[in-house]
Protein backbone atom coordinates (compact mmCIF):
# COMPACT_ATOMS: atom_id res chain seq x y z
CA UNK A 1 0.34 -0.05 0.08
CA UNK A 2 2.94 2.38 0.34
CA UNK A 3 4.27 2.02 -2.81
CA UNK A 4 1.36 2.53 -4.52
CA UNK A 5 0.46 5.75 -2.28
CA UNK A 6 4.46 7.11 -3.12
CA UNK A 7 3.65 5.93 -6.66
CA UNK A 8 0.56 7.81 -7.05
CA UNK A 9 2.01 11.16 -5.07
CA UNK A 10 5.64 11.41 -7.47
CA UNK A 11 2.80 11.30 -10.88
CA UNK A 12 0.46 13.94 -9.38
CA UNK A 13 2.99 17.09 -10.35
CA UNK A 14 2.77 15.02 -14.15
CA UNK A 15 -0.34 14.52 -14.87
CA UNK A 16 -2.90 17.13 -16.24
CA UNK A 17 -4.58 19.84 -13.55
CA UNK A 18 -8.32 19.10 -14.46
CA UNK A 19 -10.64 17.22 -12.88
CA UNK A 20 -14.73 16.40 -12.54
CA UNK A 21 -16.46 15.34 -9.65
CA UNK A 22 -19.89 14.50 -9.03
CA UNK A 23 -21.51 14.56 -5.54
CA UNK A 24 -25.20 13.87 -5.47
CA UNK A 25 -27.07 14.58 -2.09
CA UNK A 26 -29.44 12.39 -0.08
CA UNK A 27 -32.44 14.41 -1.39
CA UNK A 28 -32.25 14.20 -4.81
CA UNK A 29 -29.63 17.45 -5.56
CA UNK A 30 -26.37 16.73 -7.30
CA UNK A 31 -23.07 19.06 -7.92
CA UNK A 32 -21.18 18.40 -11.09
CA UNK A 33 -17.62 20.41 -9.97
CA UNK A 34 -15.18 21.06 -13.48
CA UNK A 35 -11.68 22.50 -12.55
CA UNK A 36 -8.91 23.14 -15.46
CA UNK A 37 -5.38 24.44 -15.00
CA UNK A 38 -2.92 25.78 -17.28
CA UNK A 39 0.76 26.96 -16.84
CA UNK A 40 2.54 28.88 -19.15
CA UNK A 41 5.60 31.53 -19.03
CA UNK A 42 5.45 31.81 -15.38
CA UNK A 43 1.40 32.41 -15.48
CA UNK A 44 -1.23 30.09 -14.35
CA UNK A 45 -4.65 30.11 -14.73
CA UNK A 46 -7.11 28.09 -13.08
CA UNK A 47 -10.71 27.52 -13.82
CA UNK A 48 -13.25 25.87 -11.59
CA UNK A 49 -16.53 25.88 -12.45
CA UNK A 50 -19.41 24.44 -10.46
CA UNK A 51 -23.25 23.20 -11.41
CA UNK A 52 -25.67 22.93 -8.84
CA UNK A 53 -28.90 20.94 -9.62
CA UNK A 54 -31.38 20.96 -7.01
CA UNK A 55 -34.38 18.40 -6.23
CA UNK A 56 -37.09 19.95 -7.98
CA UNK A 57 -34.66 20.33 -10.97
CA UNK A 58 -33.78 24.20 -10.48
CA UNK A 59 -29.90 24.83 -11.47
CA UNK A 60 -27.43 27.69 -10.18
CA UNK A 61 -23.78 27.65 -11.14
CA UNK A 62 -20.73 29.34 -9.89
CA UNK A 63 -17.53 29.95 -11.67
CA UNK A 64 -14.17 31.08 -10.15
CA UNK A 65 -11.20 31.79 -12.63
CA UNK A 66 -7.70 32.36 -10.46
CA UNK A 67 -4.90 33.75 -12.44
CA UNK A 68 -1.17 34.12 -10.87
CA UNK A 69 2.14 35.19 -11.73
CA UNK A 70 5.02 36.20 -9.96
CA UNK A 71 3.41 39.18 -7.68
CA UNK A 72 0.43 39.23 -9.03
CA UNK A 73 -2.75 37.54 -8.18
CA UNK A 74 -6.39 38.26 -9.96
CA UNK A 75 -9.66 36.19 -8.49
CA UNK A 76 -12.62 36.77 -10.83
CA UNK A 77 -16.31 34.85 -9.45
CA UNK A 78 -19.47 34.56 -11.32
CA UNK A 79 -22.47 33.29 -9.66
CA UNK A 80 -25.91 32.79 -11.57
CA UNK A 81 -29.21 32.13 -9.35
CA UNK A 82 -31.76 29.54 -10.25
CA UNK A 83 -33.73 32.49 -11.34
CA UNK A 84 -30.92 33.88 -13.91
CA UNK A 85 -30.06 36.58 -11.55
CA UNK A 86 -25.84 36.76 -12.02
CA UNK A 87 -23.82 38.26 -9.24
CA UNK A 88 -19.28 38.97 -10.46
CA UNK A 89 -16.80 39.99 -7.86
CA UNK A 90 -13.25 40.67 -8.89
CA UNK A 91 -10.14 41.06 -6.59
CA UNK A 92 -6.79 41.43 -7.14
CA UNK A 93 -3.71 41.82 -5.09
CA UNK A 94 -0.35 43.18 -6.43
CA UNK A 95 3.05 42.77 -4.53
CA UNK A 96 5.78 44.69 -4.93
CA UNK A 97 9.26 42.75 -4.89
């Protein structure tokens, strides 16, 4: 078991940085979570999308985009509710060297 765990840990950095997960609740709702990261030339951009479906079939979504590079971090979050109303939040952090 330890050998398998060690191999799994060593191969994770070489695998692509994306994942899809589906979670189903005991009340009939579900969530589909997708994650994708891209890294190039000192910058990384990770996108995480979540689609929530309630037991009555209504859906809501959340998208988070995180961009990072040396001395700079930006996060954009967009949330859409079941009635279609959308909210967006932007944050950025700049650090001087």
